[in-house]
Amino acid sequence: MNTPVPLARHSRLKDYILPALVALAGAGAAYAGADTTFDPALTKFTDFLEGSGGKIITVLSLAGGLIGLASGRFSLGQVAVPVGVGIGVGTGVPIVTSVVTAVI
């Protein structure tokens, strides 16, 4: 047996559908990567990490690991972390940049 839908439910539905249709009609196309607002900052930060900044970060990480080794407590993390930081700084930036700027 079909029961009729109350009139209040239809008016409630109209409250949601009408604004959604207006928003859909006014929506424009969005293009990923078309915005260049932060390009100068991205370029500076990328140059920093790929240049002397990345080397400084890697050397400081290595120094922290060596200080830990000199203090008499040895763990694999004291060797692995500086190696990971060096690899991450050296190869991570180009990988992330190429993924972000990829055309899908």
Protein backbone atom coordinates (compact mmCIF):
# COMPACT_ATOMS: atom_id res chain seq x y z
CA MET A 1 0.00 0.00 0.00
CA ASN A 2 1.49 3.35 -1.02
CA THR A 3 1.20 6.12 1.49
CA PRO A 4 1.39 9.65 0.18
CA VAL A 5 4.43 11.73 1.11
CA PRO A 6 3.47 14.59 3.40
CA LEU A 7 3.46 18.03 1.81
CA ALA A 8 5.95 19.33 4.39
CA ARG A 9 8.58 16.89 3.11
CA HIS A 10 8.26 18.24 -0.45
CA SER A 11 8.76 21.81 0.68
CA ARG A 12 11.79 20.73 2.68
CA LEU A 13 13.24 19.04 -0.40
CA LYS A 14 12.73 22.25 -2.37
CA ASP A 15 14.82 24.11 0.24
CA TYR A 16 17.83 21.96 -0.67
CA ILE A 17 17.42 21.38 -4.39
CA LEU A 18 16.85 24.99 -5.45
CA PRO A 19 20.10 26.34 -3.89
CA ALA A 20 22.03 23.36 -5.25
CA LEU A 21 20.78 24.04 -8.78
CA VAL A 22 21.65 27.74 -8.49
CA ALA A 23 25.16 26.89 -7.27
CA LEU A 24 25.62 24.33 -10.05
CA ALA A 25 24.51 26.82 -12.69
CA GLY A 26 26.99 29.43 -11.44
CA ALA A 27 29.93 27.09 -11.03
CA GLY A 28 32.82 27.56 -13.42
CA ALA A 29 35.55 25.20 -14.45
CA ALA A 30 38.52 24.88 -12.09
CA TYR A 31 41.94 24.05 -13.44
CA ALA A 32 44.50 22.53 -11.12
CA GLY A 33 47.89 24.15 -11.34
CA ALA A 34 46.66 27.24 -13.17
CA ASP A 35 47.16 29.48 -10.13
CA THR A 36 50.60 31.08 -9.82
CA THR A 37 50.07 32.96 -6.55
CA PHE A 38 52.69 31.04 -4.57
CA ASP A 39 55.18 30.33 -7.36
CA PRO A 40 57.83 32.77 -6.06
CA ALA A 41 57.71 31.23 -2.57
CA LEU A 42 57.76 27.71 -3.99
CA THR A 43 60.76 28.54 -6.18
CA LYS A 44 62.71 30.05 -3.25
CA PHE A 45 61.94 27.14 -0.94
CA THR A 46 62.75 24.54 -3.60
CA ASP A 47 66.04 26.26 -4.43
CA PHE A 48 66.86 26.40 -0.72
CA LEU A 49 66.26 22.69 -0.17
CA GLU A 50 68.02 21.58 -3.35
CA GLY A 51 71.00 23.85 -2.69
CA SER A 52 72.94 24.80 0.40
CA GLY A 53 69.92 24.59 2.71
CA GLY A 54 69.46 20.89 2.00
CA LYS A 55 73.15 20.26 2.60
CA ILE A 56 73.01 22.14 5.91
CA ILE A 57 69.96 20.16 7.03
CA THR A 58 71.68 16.88 6.11
CA VAL A 59 74.94 17.82 7.87
CA LEU A 60 73.07 18.88 11.02
CA SER A 61 71.17 15.61 11.02
CA LEU A 62 74.42 13.68 10.58
CA ALA A 63 76.03 15.68 13.40
CA GLY A 64 73.12 14.82 15.69
CA GLY A 65 73.57 11.14 14.89
CA LEU A 66 77.32 11.31 15.52
CA ILE A 67 76.78 13.06 18.85
CA GLY A 68 74.39 10.28 19.81
CA LEU A 69 76.98 7.68 18.84
CA ALA A 70 79.70 9.48 20.80
CA SER A 71 77.55 9.53 23.91
CA GLY A 72 77.77 5.76 24.05
CA ARG A 73 74.24 4.80 23.09
CA PHE A 74 74.02 3.18 19.69
CA SER A 75 70.87 2.70 17.72
CA LEU A 76 70.23 2.13 14.07
CA GLY A 77 68.14 5.29 13.96
CA GLN A 78 71.23 7.42 14.56
CA VAL A 79 72.60 6.23 11.24
CA ALA A 80 69.36 5.73 9.32
CA VAL A 81 67.81 9.11 10.09
CA PRO A 82 70.65 11.21 8.59
CA VAL A 83 70.74 8.96 5.53
CA GLY A 84 66.97 9.26 5.16
CA VAL A 85 67.11 13.04 5.58
CA GLY A 86 69.82 13.30 2.93
CA ILE A 87 67.90 11.14 0.49
CA GLY A 88 64.66 12.96 1.28
CA VAL A 89 66.13 16.41 0.76
CA GLY A 90 68.06 15.39 -2.35
CA THR A 91 65.39 13.43 -4.17
CA GLY A 92 62.17 14.25 -2.32
CA VAL A 93 61.78 17.80 -3.58
CA PRO A 94 61.94 16.91 -7.30
CA ILE A 95 59.57 13.98 -6.77
CA VAL A 96 57.00 16.09 -4.91
CA THR A 97 57.32 18.93 -7.42
CA SER A 98 56.80 16.60 -10.38
CA VAL A 99 53.79 14.93 -8.73
CA VAL A 100 52.16 18.25 -7.89
CA THR A 101 52.69 19.68 -11.38
CA ALA A 102 51.65 16.50 -13.18
CA VAL A 103 48.87 16.79 -15.73
CA ILE A 104 46.06 14.39 -14.89
